[in-house]
Protein backbone atom coordinates (compact mmCIF):
# COMPACT_ATOMS: atom_id res chain seq x y z
CA VAL A 1 0.29 0.15 0.05
CA LYS A 2 1.67 3.24 -0.92
CA THR A 3 1.92 5.84 1.95
CA ARG A 4 3.44 8.53 0.31
CA PRO A 5 5.02 9.84 -2.76
CA TRP A 6 8.32 8.05 -3.49
CA ASP A 7 7.78 5.74 -1.49
CA GLY A 8 9.33 2.96 -3.56
CA VAL A 9 5.79 1.19 -3.63
CA SER A 10 4.37 1.35 -7.41
CA SER A 11 3.97 -0.84 -10.34
CA HIS A 12 7.26 0.77 -11.60
CA ALA A 13 8.71 -0.83 -8.85
CA ALA A 14 7.61 -3.80 -8.99
CA ARG A 15 8.88 -3.75 -12.38
CA HIS A 16 12.18 -3.28 -11.04
CA THR A 17 11.97 -6.26 -8.77
CA ALA A 18 10.92 -8.34 -11.25
CA GLY A 19 13.63 -7.37 -13.58
CA THR A 20 16.00 -7.80 -10.75
CA ASP A 21 14.92 -11.03 -9.54
CA VAL A 22 15.13 -12.84 -14.08
CA ALA A 23 18.38 -11.68 -13.78
CA HIS A 24 19.40 -13.37 -10.44
CA ARG A 25 17.78 -16.80 -11.81
CA SER A 26 19.06 -16.76 -15.42
CA LYS A 27 21.69 -14.44 -15.60
CA GLN A 28 21.63 -13.81 -18.97
CA VAL A 29 20.61 -10.16 -20.09
CA THR A 30 19.02 -10.93 -23.12
CA ILE A 31 16.41 -13.05 -21.00
CA VAL A 32 15.53 -10.19 -19.02
CA ARG A 33 15.09 -7.84 -22.17
CA ASP A 34 12.43 -10.24 -23.24
CA PHE A 35 10.31 -10.67 -20.17
CA LEU A 36 10.41 -6.69 -19.89
CA GLY A 37 9.61 -6.30 -23.52
CA HIS A 38 12.49 -3.85 -23.96
CA ALA A 39 13.95 -3.36 -27.75
CA SER A 40 17.41 -2.42 -26.47
CA LEU A 41 19.83 -4.31 -24.02
CA HIS A 42 20.76 -0.56 -23.02
CA THR A 43 17.16 -0.35 -21.44
CA THR A 44 17.46 -3.32 -19.70
CA GLN A 45 20.81 -2.62 -18.15
CA ILE A 46 18.73 0.31 -16.04
CA TYR A 47 16.68 -2.70 -14.59
CA VAL A 48 20.09 -5.05 -13.86
CA ASP A 49 21.98 -5.29 -10.38
CA LYS A 50 25.35 -5.28 -10.78
CA VAL A 51 26.45 -9.00 -10.82
CA SER A 52 28.16 -9.94 -7.42
CA ILE A 53 31.49 -11.14 -7.31
CA GLU A 54 30.70 -15.00 -6.48
CA ASP A 55 28.75 -15.10 -10.02
CA GLN A 56 31.27 -13.85 -11.52
CA ARG A 57 33.79 -16.11 -10.49
CA THR A 58 31.53 -18.77 -11.61
CA ALA A 59 30.52 -17.65 -14.71
CA ILE A 60 34.81 -17.65 -15.37
CA GLU A 61 35.44 -20.75 -13.70
CA GLY A 62 37.80 -23.44 -15.26
CA ARG A 63 37.69 -21.35 -18.31
CA ARG A 64 41.15 -19.90 -19.85
CA TYR A 65 41.72 -17.16 -21.43
CA ALA A 66 45.12 -16.18 -22.36
CA SER A 67 46.97 -18.47 -24.48
């Protein structure tokens, strides 16, 4: 229930929360883009929190990037 202006309770705040939840579960910004109906990944980035250091480590674990 909204109690005052700018209290963080709105349909737009719920949209941000849903986008962030999808990002954390899927780990794929393109899935978030499609879920939110964005035409651009740039717009989607606004809704996505920074990836945690643990998620970054998991993403690169076991890969070799240098020759």
